[in-house]
Amino acid sequence: MADKTYLDWPFFEDRHRELAAKLDDWAASNIKGINHEDVDAACRDLVARLASGDWLRHAAVDPADAGSKLDVRSLCLIRETLARYDGLADFSFAMQGLGSGAISLFGTNDQKDNWLPK
């Protein structure tokens, strides 16, 4: 079992601790049996798993919610947890944020409306 005492650090809120626990439970059941022989297929499979678990919503902000923003602490916890289970899981999650994060932060309203819901 990984040392999770860092979750007691003062800059993590209860919602972060809850997120980390939920993702750890989900990953224990869903991030296993990854076939690394075909990395592209494995990444597509992992992205589908992450999407079905609703974890990709953390990689972008909701264009319908003007007050929403990316939470760097949540992103770090998600990536750390996924990496513990499988490096490709972390990679697959991170790659989703490369496009959606930039659009979330700096995209036009049309770009946000067009790309983020996908």
PDB file of N, CA and C in Angstrom:
ATOM      1  N   MET A   1       0.848  -1.189   0.000  1.00  0.00           N
ATOM      2  CA  MET A   1       0.000   0.000   0.000  1.00  0.00           C
ATOM      3  C   MET A   1       0.888   1.245   0.000  1.00  0.00           C
ATOM      4  N   ALA A   2       0.532   2.182  -0.809  1.00  0.00           N
ATOM      5  CA  ALA A   2       1.305   3.415  -0.931  1.00  0.00           C
ATOM      6  C   ALA A   2       1.104   4.295   0.308  1.00  0.00           C
ATOM      7  N   ASP A   3       2.158   5.011   0.659  1.00  0.00           N
ATOM      8  CA  ASP A   3       2.085   5.969   1.757  1.00  0.00           C
ATOM      9  C   ASP A   3       1.250   7.156   1.291  1.00  0.00           C
ATOM     10  N   LYS A   4       0.167   7.410   1.985  1.00  0.00           N
ATOM     11  CA  LYS A   4      -0.729   8.502   1.590  1.00  0.00           C
ATOM     12  C   LYS A   4      -0.802   9.588   2.657  1.00  0.00           C
ATOM     13  N   THR A   5       0.199   9.654   3.510  1.00  0.00           N
ATOM     14  CA  THR A   5       0.190  10.664   4.566  1.00  0.00           C
ATOM     15  C   THR A   5       0.244  12.084   4.000  1.00  0.00           C
ATOM     16  N   TYR A   6       0.713  12.212   2.760  1.00  0.00           N
ATOM     17  CA  TYR A   6       0.742  13.540   2.136  1.00  0.00           C
ATOM     18  C   TYR A   6      -0.659  14.135   2.018  1.00  0.00           C
ATOM     19  N   LEU A   7      -1.682  13.300   2.041  1.00  0.00           N
ATOM     20  CA  LEU A   7      -3.050  13.824   1.959  1.00  0.00           C
ATOM     21  C   LEU A   7      -3.436  14.626   3.199  1.00  0.00           C
ATOM     22  N   ASP A   8      -2.651  14.503   4.255  1.00  0.00           N
ATOM     23  CA  ASP A   8      -2.892  15.282   5.472  1.00  0.00           C
ATOM     24  C   ASP A   8      -2.271  16.672   5.400  1.00  0.00           C
ATOM     25  N   TRP A   9      -1.502  16.947   4.372  1.00  0.00           N
ATOM     26  CA  TRP A   9      -0.878  18.254   4.245  1.00  0.00           C
ATOM     27  C   TRP A   9      -1.957  19.332   4.197  1.00  0.00           C
ATOM     28  N   PRO A  10      -1.684  20.505   4.721  1.00  0.00           N
ATOM     29  CA  PRO A  10      -2.737  21.520   4.891  1.00  0.00           C
ATOM     30  C   PRO A  10      -3.314  22.100   3.602  1.00  0.00           C
ATOM     31  N   PHE A  11      -2.617  21.982   2.472  1.00  0.00           N
ATOM     32  CA  PHE A  11      -3.178  22.568   1.255  1.00  0.00           C
ATOM     33  C   PHE A  11      -4.126  21.623   0.534  1.00  0.00           C
ATOM     34  N   PHE A  12      -4.271  20.398   1.034  1.00  0.00           N
ATOM     35  CA  PHE A  12      -5.307  19.520   0.500  1.00  0.00           C
ATOM     36  C   PHE A  12      -6.567  19.698   1.331  1.00  0.00           C
ATOM     37  N   GLU A  13      -7.677  19.794   0.645  1.00  0.00           N
ATOM     38  CA  GLU A  13      -8.975  19.933   1.306  1.00  0.00           C
ATOM     39  C   GLU A  13      -9.634  18.565   1.374  1.00  0.00           C
ATOM     40  N   ASP A  14     -10.717  18.483   2.127  1.00  0.00           N
ATOM     41  CA  ASP A  14     -11.431  17.208   2.234  1.00  0.00           C
ATOM     42  C   ASP A  14     -11.846  16.685   0.864  1.00  0.00           C
ATOM     43  N   ARG A  15     -12.220  17.593  -0.036  1.00  0.00           N
ATOM     44  CA  ARG A  15     -12.625  17.152  -1.379  1.00  0.00           C
ATOM     45  C   ARG A  15     -11.471  16.483  -2.118  1.00  0.00           C
ATOM     46  N   HIS A  16     -10.239  16.894  -1.858  1.00  0.00           N
ATOM     47  CA  HIS A  16      -9.074  16.256  -2.481  1.00  0.00           C
ATOM     48  C   HIS A  16      -8.857  14.862  -1.908  1.00  0.00           C
ATOM     49  N   ARG A  17      -8.995  14.749  -0.593  1.00  0.00           N
ATOM     50  CA  ARG A  17      -8.841  13.441   0.046  1.00  0.00           C
ATOM     51  C   ARG A  17      -9.918  12.475  -0.446  1.00  0.00           C
ATOM     52  N   GLU A  18     -11.130  12.995  -0.613  1.00  0.00           N
ATOM     53  CA  GLU A  18     -12.241  12.186  -1.120  1.00  0.00           C
ATOM     54  C   GLU A  18     -11.977  11.743  -2.563  1.00  0.00           C
ATOM     55  N   LEU A  19     -11.521  12.670  -3.377  1.00  0.00           N
ATOM     56  CA  LEU A  19     -11.188  12.364  -4.774  1.00  0.00           C
ATOM     57  C   LEU A  19     -10.122  11.271  -4.844  1.00  0.00           C
ATOM     58  N   ALA A  20      -9.063  11.420  -4.061  1.00  0.00           N
ATOM     59  CA  ALA A  20      -7.975  10.440  -4.075  1.00  0.00           C
ATOM     60  C   ALA A  20      -8.476   9.059  -3.654  1.00  0.00           C
ATOM     61  N   ALA A  21      -9.320   9.002  -2.639  1.00  0.00           N
ATOM     62  CA  ALA A  21      -9.844   7.716  -2.171  1.00  0.00           C
ATOM     63  C   ALA A  21     -10.752   7.075  -3.220  1.00  0.00           C
ATOM     64  N   LYS A  22     -11.626   7.874  -3.829  1.00  0.00           N
ATOM     65  CA  LYS A  22     -12.530   7.344  -4.858  1.00  0.00           C
ATOM     66  C   LYS A  22     -11.754   6.836  -6.069  1.00  0.00           C
ATOM     67  N   LEU A  23     -10.760   7.609  -6.505  1.00  0.00           N
ATOM     68  CA  LEU A  23      -9.976   7.188  -7.658  1.00  0.00           C
ATOM     69  C   LEU A  23      -9.167   5.938  -7.334  1.00  0.00           C
ATOM     70  N   ASP A  24      -8.615   5.862  -6.140  1.00  0.00           N
ATOM     71  CA  ASP A  24      -7.849   4.682  -5.752  1.00  0.00           C
ATOM     72  C   ASP A  24      -8.741   3.442  -5.789  1.00  0.00           C
ATOM     73  N   ASP A  25      -9.948   3.552  -5.263  1.00  0.00           N
ATOM     74  CA  ASP A  25     -10.893   2.421  -5.310  1.00  0.00           C
ATOM     75  C   ASP A  25     -11.235   2.063  -6.754  1.00  0.00           C
ATOM     76  N   TRP A  26     -11.514   3.084  -7.574  1.00  0.00           N
ATOM     77  CA  TRP A  26     -11.868   2.845  -8.972  1.00  0.00           C
ATOM     78  C   TRP A  26     -10.703   2.205  -9.717  1.00  0.00           C
ATOM     79  N   ALA A  27      -9.513   2.742  -9.532  1.00  0.00           N
ATOM     80  CA  ALA A  27      -8.339   2.241 -10.251  1.00  0.00           C
ATOM     81  C   ALA A  27      -8.023   0.794  -9.877  1.00  0.00           C
ATOM     82  N   ALA A  28      -8.229   0.443  -8.626  1.00  0.00           N
ATOM     83  CA  ALA A  28      -7.962  -0.933  -8.188  1.00  0.00           C
ATOM     84  C   ALA A  28      -8.800  -1.932  -8.975  1.00  0.00           C
ATOM     85  N   SER A  29      -9.984  -1.514  -9.392  1.00  0.00           N
ATOM     86  CA  SER A  29     -10.874  -2.394 -10.146  1.00  0.00           C
ATOM     87  C   SER A  29     -10.771  -2.231 -11.656  1.00  0.00           C
ATOM     88  N   ASN A  30     -10.363  -1.056 -12.107  1.00  0.00           N
ATOM     89  CA  ASN A  30     -10.447  -0.735 -13.532  1.00  0.00           C
ATOM     90  C   ASN A  30      -9.126  -0.581 -14.267  1.00  0.00           C
ATOM     91  N   ILE A  31      -8.048  -0.427 -13.543  1.00  0.00           N
ATOM     92  CA  ILE A  31      -6.743  -0.269 -14.202  1.00  0.00           C
ATOM     93  C   ILE A  31      -5.939  -1.552 -13.937  1.00  0.00           C
ATOM     94  N   LYS A  32      -6.354  -2.565 -14.626  1.00  0.00           N
ATOM     95  CA  LYS A  32      -5.624  -3.839 -14.556  1.00  0.00           C
ATOM     96  C   LYS A  32      -5.853  -4.565 -15.865  1.00  0.00           C
ATOM     97  N   GLY A  33      -4.972  -5.485 -16.152  1.00  0.00           N
ATOM     98  CA  GLY A  33      -5.106  -6.248 -17.387  1.00  0.00           C
ATOM     99  C   GLY A  33      -4.838  -5.426 -18.640  1.00  0.00           C
ATOM    100  N   ILE A  34      -4.012  -4.402 -18.531  1.00  0.00           N
ATOM    101  CA  ILE A  34      -3.688  -3.563 -19.683  1.00  0.00           C
ATOM    102  C   ILE A  34      -2.647  -4.297 -20.533  1.00  0.00           C
ATOM    103  N   ASN A  35      -2.945  -4.458 -21.805  1.00  0.00           N
ATOM    104  CA  ASN A  35      -2.032  -5.128 -22.723  1.00  0.00           C
ATOM    105  C   ASN A  35      -1.069  -4.090 -23.297  1.00  0.00           C
ATOM    106  N   HIS A  36       0.181  -4.147 -22.872  1.00  0.00           N
ATOM    107  CA  HIS A  36       1.181  -3.166 -23.295  1.00  0.00           C
ATOM    108  C   HIS A  36       1.855  -3.522 -24.614  1.00  0.00           C
ATOM    109  N   GLU A  37       1.460  -4.597 -25.246  1.00  0.00           N
ATOM    110  CA  GLU A  37       2.092  -4.971 -26.519  1.00  0.00           C
ATOM    111  C   GLU A  37       1.733  -3.997 -27.633  1.00  0.00           C
ATOM    112  N   ASP A  38       0.521  -3.473 -27.624  1.00  0.00           N
ATOM    113  CA  ASP A  38       0.082  -2.459 -28.586  1.00  0.00           C
ATOM    114  C   ASP A  38      -0.246  -1.206 -27.784  1.00  0.00           C
ATOM    115  N   VAL A  39       0.733  -0.327 -27.664  1.00  0.00           N
ATOM    116  CA  VAL A  39       0.600   0.844 -26.804  1.00  0.00           C
ATOM    117  C   VAL A  39      -0.545   1.753 -27.255  1.00  0.00           C
ATOM    118  N   ASP A  40      -0.710   1.939 -28.562  1.00  0.00           N
ATOM    119  CA  ASP A  40      -1.795   2.794 -29.057  1.00  0.00           C
ATOM    120  C   ASP A  40      -3.151   2.240 -28.644  1.00  0.00           C
ATOM    121  N   ALA A  41      -3.337   0.950 -28.811  1.00  0.00           N
ATOM    122  CA  ALA A  41      -4.605   0.322 -28.427  1.00  0.00           C
ATOM    123  C   ALA A  41      -4.796   0.394 -26.912  1.00  0.00           C
ATOM    124  N   ALA A  42      -3.723   0.204 -26.172  1.00  0.00           N
ATOM    125  CA  ALA A  42      -3.812   0.273 -24.712  1.00  0.00           C
ATOM    126  C   ALA A  42      -4.223   1.670 -24.266  1.00  0.00           C
ATOM    127  N   CYS A  43      -3.656   2.698 -24.892  1.00  0.00           N
ATOM    128  CA  CYS A  43      -4.013   4.071 -24.540  1.00  0.00           C
ATOM    129  C   CYS A  43      -5.470   4.375 -24.891  1.00  0.00           C
ATOM    130  N   ARG A  44      -5.926   3.919 -26.040  1.00  0.00           N
ATOM    131  CA  ARG A  44      -7.335   4.131 -26.407  1.00  0.00           C
ATOM    132  C   ARG A  44      -8.253   3.442 -25.400  1.00  0.00           C
ATOM    133  N   ASP A  45      -7.879   2.234 -25.001  1.00  0.00           N
ATOM    134  CA  ASP A  45      -8.654   1.494 -24.012  1.00  0.00           C
ATOM    135  C   ASP A  45      -8.668   2.242 -22.676  1.00  0.00           C
ATOM    136  N   LEU A  46      -7.525   2.734 -22.258  1.00  0.00           N
ATOM    137  CA  LEU A  46      -7.451   3.460 -20.994  1.00  0.00           C
ATOM    138  C   LEU A  46      -8.256   4.751 -21.030  1.00  0.00           C
ATOM    139  N   VAL A  47      -8.195   5.474 -22.136  1.00  0.00           N
ATOM    140  CA  VAL A  47      -8.992   6.704 -22.254  1.00  0.00           C
ATOM    141  C   VAL A  47     -10.478   6.372 -22.167  1.00  0.00           C
ATOM    142  N   ALA A  48     -10.894   5.289 -22.808  1.00  0.00           N
ATOM    143  CA  ALA A  48     -12.299   4.880 -22.729  1.00  0.00           C
ATOM    144  C   ALA A  48     -12.670   4.523 -21.287  1.00  0.00           C
ATOM    145  N   ARG A  49     -11.788   3.824 -20.600  1.00  0.00           N
ATOM    146  CA  ARG A  49     -12.052   3.469 -19.193  1.00  0.00           C
ATOM    147  C   ARG A  49     -12.139   4.726 -18.332  1.00  0.00           C
ATOM    148  N   LEU A  50     -11.194   5.647 -18.521  1.00  0.00           N
ATOM    149  CA  LEU A  50     -11.202   6.891 -17.755  1.00  0.00           C
ATOM    150  C   LEU A  50     -12.456   7.714 -18.043  1.00  0.00           C
ATOM    151  N   ALA A  51     -12.867   7.730 -19.300  1.00  0.00           N
ATOM    152  CA  ALA A  51     -14.085   8.469 -19.667  1.00  0.00           C
ATOM    153  C   ALA A  51     -15.312   7.827 -19.031  1.00  0.00           C
ATOM    154  N   SER A  52     -15.390   6.507 -19.074  1.00  0.00           N
ATOM    155  CA  SER A  52     -16.564   5.840 -18.495  1.00  0.00           C
ATOM    156  C   SER A  52     -16.597   6.002 -16.982  1.00  0.00           C
ATOM    157  N   GLY A  53     -15.436   6.180 -16.363  1.00  0.00           N
ATOM    158  CA  GLY A  53     -15.389   6.435 -14.930  1.00  0.00           C
ATOM    159  C   GLY A  53     -15.577   7.901 -14.571  1.00  0.00           C
ATOM    160  N   ASP A  54     -15.741   8.750 -15.571  1.00  0.00           N
ATOM    161  CA  ASP A  54     -15.950  10.194 -15.434  1.00  0.00           C
ATOM    162  C   ASP A  54     -14.718  10.919 -14.892  1.00  0.00           C
ATOM    163  N   TRP A  55     -13.531  10.347 -15.082  1.00  0.00           N
ATOM    164  CA  TRP A  55     -12.307  10.981 -14.587  1.00  0.00           C
ATOM    165  C   TRP A  55     -11.776  12.037 -15.541  1.00  0.00           C
ATOM    166  N   LEU A  56     -12.132  11.958 -16.801  1.00  0.00           N
ATOM    167  CA  LEU A  56     -11.609  12.939 -17.758  1.00  0.00           C
ATOM    168  C   LEU A  56     -12.202  14.326 -17.557  1.00  0.00           C
ATOM    169  N   ARG A  57     -13.296  14.422 -16.832  1.00  0.00           N
ATOM    170  CA  ARG A  57     -13.883  15.748 -16.583  1.00  0.00           C
ATOM    171  C   ARG A  57     -12.922  16.644 -15.805  1.00  0.00           C
ATOM    172  N   HIS A  58     -11.961  16.032 -15.132  1.00  0.00           N
ATOM    173  CA  HIS A  58     -10.986  16.822 -14.379  1.00  0.00           C
ATOM    174  C   HIS A  58      -9.906  17.420 -15.276  1.00  0.00           C
ATOM    175  N   ALA A  59      -9.848  16.990 -16.525  1.00  0.00           N
ATOM    176  CA  ALA A  59      -8.824  17.483 -17.449  1.00  0.00           C
ATOM    177  C   ALA A  59      -9.262  18.740 -18.196  1.00  0.00           C
ATOM    178  N   ALA A  60     -10.486  19.186 -17.979  1.00  0.00           N
ATOM    179  CA  ALA A  60     -11.007  20.379 -18.656  1.00  0.00           C
ATOM    180  C   ALA A  60     -12.037  21.038 -17.750  1.00  0.00           C
ATOM    181  N   VAL A  61     -12.343  22.271 -18.068  1.00  0.00           N
ATOM    182  CA  VAL A  61     -13.415  22.943 -17.330  1.00  0.00           C
ATOM    183  C   VAL A  61     -14.698  22.840 -18.137  1.00  0.00           C
ATOM    184  N   ASP A  62     -15.797  22.963 -17.453  1.00  0.00           N
ATOM    185  CA  ASP A  62     -17.110  22.890 -18.086  1.00  0.00           C
ATOM    186  C   ASP A  62     -17.436  24.239 -18.717  1.00  0.00           C
ATOM    187  N   PRO A  63     -17.570  24.302 -20.043  1.00  0.00           N
ATOM    188  CA  PRO A  63     -17.834  25.596 -20.684  1.00  0.00           C
ATOM    189  C   PRO A  63     -19.169  26.198 -20.249  1.00  0.00           C
ATOM    190  N   ALA A  64     -20.082  25.393 -19.749  1.00  0.00           N
ATOM    191  CA  ALA A  64     -21.377  25.903 -19.302  1.00  0.00           C
ATOM    192  C   ALA A  64     -21.275  26.535 -17.910  1.00  0.00           C
ATOM    193  N   ASP A  65     -20.181  26.267 -17.200  1.00  0.00           N
ATOM    194  CA  ASP A  65     -19.997  26.785 -15.847  1.00  0.00           C
ATOM    195  C   ASP A  65     -18.901  27.840 -15.867  1.00  0.00           C
ATOM    196  N   ALA A  66     -19.304  29.096 -15.932  1.00  0.00           N
ATOM    197  CA  ALA A  66     -18.341  30.195 -16.067  1.00  0.00           C
ATOM    198  C   ALA A  66     -17.380  30.273 -14.886  1.00  0.00           C
ATOM    199  N   GLY A  67     -17.760  29.748 -13.732  1.00  0.00           N
ATOM    200  CA  GLY A  67     -16.896  29.823 -12.557  1.00  0.00           C
ATOM    201  C   GLY A  67     -15.955  28.641 -12.400  1.00  0.00           C
ATOM    202  N   SER A  68     -16.055  27.660 -13.280  1.00  0.00           N
ATOM    203  CA  SER A  68     -15.210  26.479 -13.119  1.00  0.00           C
ATOM    204  C   SER A  68     -13.789  26.765 -13.590  1.00  0.00           C
ATOM    205  N   LYS A  69     -12.842  26.061 -13.003  1.00  0.00           N
ATOM    206  CA  LYS A  69     -11.446  26.213 -13.383  1.00  0.00           C
ATOM    207  C   LYS A  69     -10.728  24.903 -13.125  1.00  0.00           C
ATOM    208  N   LEU A  70      -9.581  24.754 -13.743  1.00  0.00           N
ATOM    209  CA  LEU A  70      -8.773  23.562 -13.521  1.00  0.00           C
ATOM    210  C   LEU A  70      -8.229  23.587 -12.094  1.00  0.00           C
ATOM    211  N   ASP A  71      -8.280  22.453 -11.436  1.00  0.00           N
ATOM    212  CA  ASP A  71      -7.768  22.333 -10.072  1.00  0.00           C
ATOM    213  C   ASP A  71      -6.462  21.549 -10.122  1.00  0.00           C
ATOM    214  N   VAL A  72      -5.361  22.256 -10.001  1.00  0.00           N
ATOM    215  CA  VAL A  72      -4.043  21.645 -10.135  1.00  0.00           C
ATOM    216  C   VAL A  72      -3.817  20.577  -9.069  1.00  0.00           C
ATOM    217  N   ARG A  73      -4.303  20.790  -7.865  1.00  0.00           N
ATOM    218  CA  ARG A  73      -4.118  19.788  -6.810  1.00  0.00           C
ATOM    219  C   ARG A  73      -4.839  18.493  -7.170  1.00  0.00           C
ATOM    220  N   SER A  74      -6.046  18.602  -7.707  1.00  0.00           N
ATOM    221  CA  SER A  74      -6.768  17.400  -8.134  1.00  0.00           C
ATOM    222  C   SER A  74      -6.040  16.704  -9.270  1.00  0.00           C
ATOM    223  N   LEU A  75      -5.556  17.489 -10.234  1.00  0.00           N
ATOM    224  CA  LEU A  75      -4.807  16.903 -11.353  1.00  0.00           C
ATOM    225  C   LEU A  75      -3.590  16.131 -10.862  1.00  0.00           C
ATOM    226  N   CYS A  76      -2.872  16.703  -9.910  1.00  0.00           N
ATOM    227  CA  CYS A  76      -1.690  16.019  -9.366  1.00  0.00           C
ATOM    228  C   CYS A  76      -2.071  14.728  -8.658  1.00  0.00           C
ATOM    229  N   LEU A  77      -3.122  14.762  -7.870  1.00  0.00           N
ATOM    230  CA  LEU A  77      -3.561  13.555  -7.169  1.00  0.00           C
ATOM    231  C   LEU A  77      -4.013  12.476  -8.145  1.00  0.00           C
ATOM    232  N   ILE A  78      -4.729  12.880  -9.173  1.00  0.00           N
ATOM    233  CA  ILE A  78      -5.189  11.916 -10.180  1.00  0.00           C
ATOM    234  C   ILE A  78      -3.995  11.285 -10.878  1.00  0.00           C
ATOM    235  N   ARG A  79      -3.057  12.098 -11.303  1.00  0.00           N
ATOM    236  CA  ARG A  79      -1.901  11.561 -12.027  1.00  0.00           C
ATOM    237  C   ARG A  79      -1.059  10.670 -11.130  1.00  0.00           C
ATOM    238  N   GLU A  80      -0.855  11.045  -9.895  1.00  0.00           N
ATOM    239  CA  GLU A  80      -0.066  10.230  -8.972  1.00  0.00           C
ATOM    240  C   GLU A  80      -0.736   8.876  -8.763  1.00  0.00           C
ATOM    241  N   THR A  81      -2.036   8.892  -8.568  1.00  0.00           N
ATOM    242  CA  THR A  81      -2.768   7.647  -8.319  1.00  0.00           C
ATOM    243  C   THR A  81      -2.747   6.750  -9.548  1.00  0.00           C
ATOM    244  N   LEU A  82      -3.046   7.313 -10.704  1.00  0.00           N
ATOM    245  CA  LEU A  82      -3.035   6.508 -11.925  1.00  0.00           C
ATOM    246  C   LEU A  82      -1.652   5.932 -12.202  1.00  0.00           C
ATOM    247  N   ALA A  83      -0.609   6.715 -11.976  1.00  0.00           N
ATOM    248  CA  ALA A  83       0.757   6.249 -12.226  1.00  0.00           C
ATOM    249  C   ALA A  83       1.113   5.079 -11.322  1.00  0.00           C
ATOM    250  N   ARG A  84       0.577   5.066 -10.117  1.00  0.00           N
ATOM    251  CA  ARG A  84       0.827   3.941  -9.213  1.00  0.00           C
ATOM    252  C   ARG A  84       0.264   2.641  -9.769  1.00  0.00           C
ATOM    253  N   TYR A  85      -0.838   2.739 -10.492  1.00  0.00           N
ATOM    254  CA  TYR A  85      -1.476   1.539 -11.049  1.00  0.00           C
ATOM    255  C   TYR A  85      -0.890   1.151 -12.396  1.00  0.00           C
ATOM    256  N   ASP A  86      -0.634   2.131 -13.250  1.00  0.00           N
ATOM    257  CA  ASP A  86      -0.052   1.838 -14.567  1.00  0.00           C
ATOM    258  C   ASP A  86       0.411   3.150 -15.182  1.00  0.00           C
ATOM    259  N   GLY A  87       1.659   3.193 -15.599  1.00  0.00           N
ATOM    260  CA  GLY A  87       2.213   4.409 -16.193  1.00  0.00           C
ATOM    261  C   GLY A  87       1.440   4.875 -17.413  1.00  0.00           C
ATOM    262  N   LEU A  88       0.915   3.925 -18.184  1.00  0.00           N
ATOM    263  CA  LEU A  88       0.120   4.319 -19.355  1.00  0.00           C
ATOM    264  C   LEU A  88      -1.213   4.950 -18.954  1.00  0.00           C
ATOM    265  N   ALA A  89      -1.729   4.600 -17.795  1.00  0.00           N
ATOM    266  CA  ALA A  89      -2.969   5.232 -17.323  1.00  0.00           C
ATOM    267  C   ALA A  89      -2.715   6.710 -17.048  1.00  0.00           C
ATOM    268  N   ASP A  90      -1.608   6.990 -16.377  1.00  0.00           N
ATOM    269  CA  ASP A  90      -1.235   8.383 -16.137  1.00  0.00           C
ATOM    270  C   ASP A  90      -0.999   9.106 -17.458  1.00  0.00           C
ATOM    271  N   PHE A  91      -0.241   8.483 -18.342  1.00  0.00           N
ATOM    272  CA  PHE A  91       0.050   9.083 -19.648  1.00  0.00           C
ATOM    273  C   PHE A  91      -1.244   9.378 -20.417  1.00  0.00           C
ATOM    274  N   SER A  92      -2.143   8.417 -20.450  1.00  0.00           N
ATOM    275  CA  SER A  92      -3.398   8.578 -21.192  1.00  0.00           C
ATOM    276  C   SER A  92      -4.224   9.726 -20.629  1.00  0.00           C
ATOM    277  N   PHE A  93      -4.272   9.834 -19.315  1.00  0.00           N
ATOM    278  CA  PHE A  93      -4.998  10.940 -18.687  1.00  0.00           C
ATOM    279  C   PHE A  93      -4.325  12.275 -19.017  1.00  0.00           C
ATOM    280  N   ALA A  94      -3.011  12.324 -18.870  1.00  0.00           N
ATOM    281  CA  ALA A  94      -2.278  13.572 -19.094  1.00  0.00           C
ATOM    282  C   ALA A  94      -2.440  14.069 -20.528  1.00  0.00           C
ATOM    283  N   MET A  95      -2.445  13.152 -21.483  1.00  0.00           N
ATOM    284  CA  MET A  95      -2.569  13.551 -22.884  1.00  0.00           C
ATOM    285  C   MET A  95      -3.919  14.216 -23.157  1.00  0.00           C
ATOM    286  N   GLN A  96      -4.955  13.824 -22.433  1.00  0.00           N
ATOM    287  CA  GLN A  96      -6.264  14.444 -22.631  1.00  0.00           C
ATOM    288  C   GLN A  96      -6.233  15.905 -22.205  1.00  0.00           C
ATOM    289  N   GLY A  97      -5.444  16.198 -21.182  1.00  0.00           N
ATOM    290  CA  GLY A  97      -5.354  17.561 -20.683  1.00  0.00           C
ATOM    291  C   GLY A  97      -4.500  18.477 -21.532  1.00  0.00           C
ATOM    292  N   LEU A  98      -3.648  17.910 -22.395  1.00  0.00           N
ATOM    293  CA  LEU A  98      -2.804  18.768 -23.227  1.00  0.00           C
ATOM    294  C   LEU A  98      -3.635  19.662 -24.132  1.00  0.00           C
ATOM    295  N   GLY A  99      -4.672  19.129 -24.715  1.00  0.00           N
ATOM    296  CA  GLY A  99      -5.535  19.934 -25.576  1.00  0.00           C
ATOM    297  C   GLY A  99      -6.633  20.621 -24.795  1.00  0.00           C
ATOM    298  N   SER A 100      -7.311  19.858 -23.940  1.00  0.00           N
ATOM    299  CA  SER A 100      -8.466  20.428 -23.240  1.00  0.00           C
ATOM    300  C   SER A 100      -8.054  21.483 -22.225  1.00  0.00           C
ATOM    301  N   GLY A 101      -6.900  21.303 -21.597  1.00  0.00           N
ATOM    302  CA  GLY A 101      -6.446  22.296 -20.626  1.00  0.00           C
ATOM    303  C   GLY A 101      -6.183  23.641 -21.275  1.00  0.00           C
ATOM    304  N   ALA A 102      -5.496  23.615 -22.401  1.00  0.00           N
ATOM    305  CA  ALA A 102      -5.195  24.865 -23.105  1.00  0.00           C
ATOM    306  C   ALA A 102      -6.477  25.539 -23.604  1.00  0.00           C
ATOM    307  N   ILE A 103      -7.397  24.740 -24.122  1.00  0.00           N
ATOM    308  CA  ILE A 103      -8.667  25.307 -24.581  1.00  0.00           C
ATOM    309  C   ILE A 103      -9.455  25.859 -23.403  1.00  0.00           C
ATOM    310  N   SER A 104      -9.447  25.121 -22.278  1.00  0.00           N
ATOM    311  CA  SER A 104     -10.153  25.583 -21.081  1.00  0.00           C
ATOM    312  C   SER A 104      -9.641  26.925 -20.606  1.00  0.00           C
ATOM    313  N   LEU A 105      -8.328  27.083 -20.614  1.00  0.00           N
ATOM    314  CA  LEU A 105      -7.724  28.290 -20.077  1.00  0.00           C
ATOM    315  C   LEU A 105      -7.707  29.456 -21.063  1.00  0.00           C
ATOM    316  N   PHE A 106      -7.460  29.163 -22.342  1.00  0.00           N
ATOM    317  CA  PHE A 106      -7.188  30.249 -23.285  1.00  0.00           C
ATOM    318  C   PHE A 106      -8.023  30.213 -24.570  1.00  0.00           C
ATOM    319  N   GLY A 107      -8.887  29.224 -24.713  1.00  0.00           N
ATOM    320  CA  GLY A 107      -9.670  29.108 -25.934  1.00  0.00           C
ATOM    321  C   GLY A 107     -10.783  30.140 -26.027  1.00  0.00           C
ATOM    322  N   THR A 108     -11.223  30.350 -27.236  1.00  0.00           N
ATOM    323  CA  THR A 108     -12.377  31.230 -27.439  1.00  0.00           C
ATOM    324  C   THR A 108     -13.632  30.496 -26.969  1.00  0.00           C
ATOM    325  N   ASN A 109     -14.704  31.212 -26.822  1.00  0.00           N
ATOM    326  CA  ASN A 109     -15.962  30.574 -26.422  1.00  0.00           C
ATOM    327  C   ASN A 109     -16.402  29.541 -27.460  1.00  0.00           C
ATOM    328  N   ASP A 110     -16.194  29.859 -28.744  1.00  0.00           N
ATOM    329  CA  ASP A 110     -16.550  28.900 -29.796  1.00  0.00           C
ATOM    330  C   ASP A 110     -15.721  27.620 -29.675  1.00  0.00           C
ATOM    331  N   GLN A 111     -14.428  27.755 -29.427  1.00  0.00           N
ATOM    332  CA  GLN A 111     -13.575  26.579 -29.268  1.00  0.00           C
ATOM    333  C   GLN A 111     -14.007  25.759 -28.048  1.00  0.00           C
ATOM    334  N   LYS A 112     -14.286  26.428 -26.956  1.00  0.00           N
ATOM    335  CA  LYS A 112     -14.737  25.723 -25.748  1.00  0.00           C
ATOM    336  C   LYS A 112     -16.034  24.968 -26.010  1.00  0.00           C
ATOM    337  N   ASP A 113     -16.973  25.651 -26.643  1.00  0.00           N
ATOM    338  CA  ASP A 113     -18.269  25.016 -26.922  1.00  0.00           C
ATOM    339  C   ASP A 113     -18.116  23.848 -27.885  1.00  0.00           C
ATOM    340  N   ASN A 114     -17.211  23.951 -28.840  1.00  0.00           N
ATOM    341  CA  ASN A 114     -17.039  22.925 -29.856  1.00  0.00           C
ATOM    342  C   ASN A 114     -16.265  21.720 -29.343  1.00  0.00           C
ATOM    343  N   TRP A 115     -15.181  21.946 -28.602  1.00  0.00           N
ATOM    344  CA  TRP A 115     -14.266  20.853 -28.285  1.00  0.00           C
ATOM    345  C   TRP A 115     -14.427  20.258 -26.885  1.00  0.00           C
ATOM    346  N   LEU A 116     -14.703  21.042 -25.886  1.00  0.00           N
ATOM    347  CA  LEU A 116     -14.701  20.520 -24.516  1.00  0.00           C
ATOM    348  C   LEU A 116     -15.790  19.485 -24.234  1.00  0.00           C
ATOM    349  N   PRO A 117     -16.994  19.645 -24.764  1.00  0.00           N
ATOM    350  CA  PRO A 117     -17.994  18.598 -24.497  1.00  0.00           C
ATOM    351  C   PRO A 117     -17.612  17.220 -25.057  1.00  0.00           C
ATOM    352  N   LYS A 118     -16.751  17.215 -26.066  1.00  0.00           N
ATOM    353  CA  LYS A 118     -16.364  15.943 -26.689  1.00  0.00           C
ATOM    354  C   LYS A 118     -15.446  15.169 -25.766  1.00  0.00           C
TER     355      LYS A 118
END
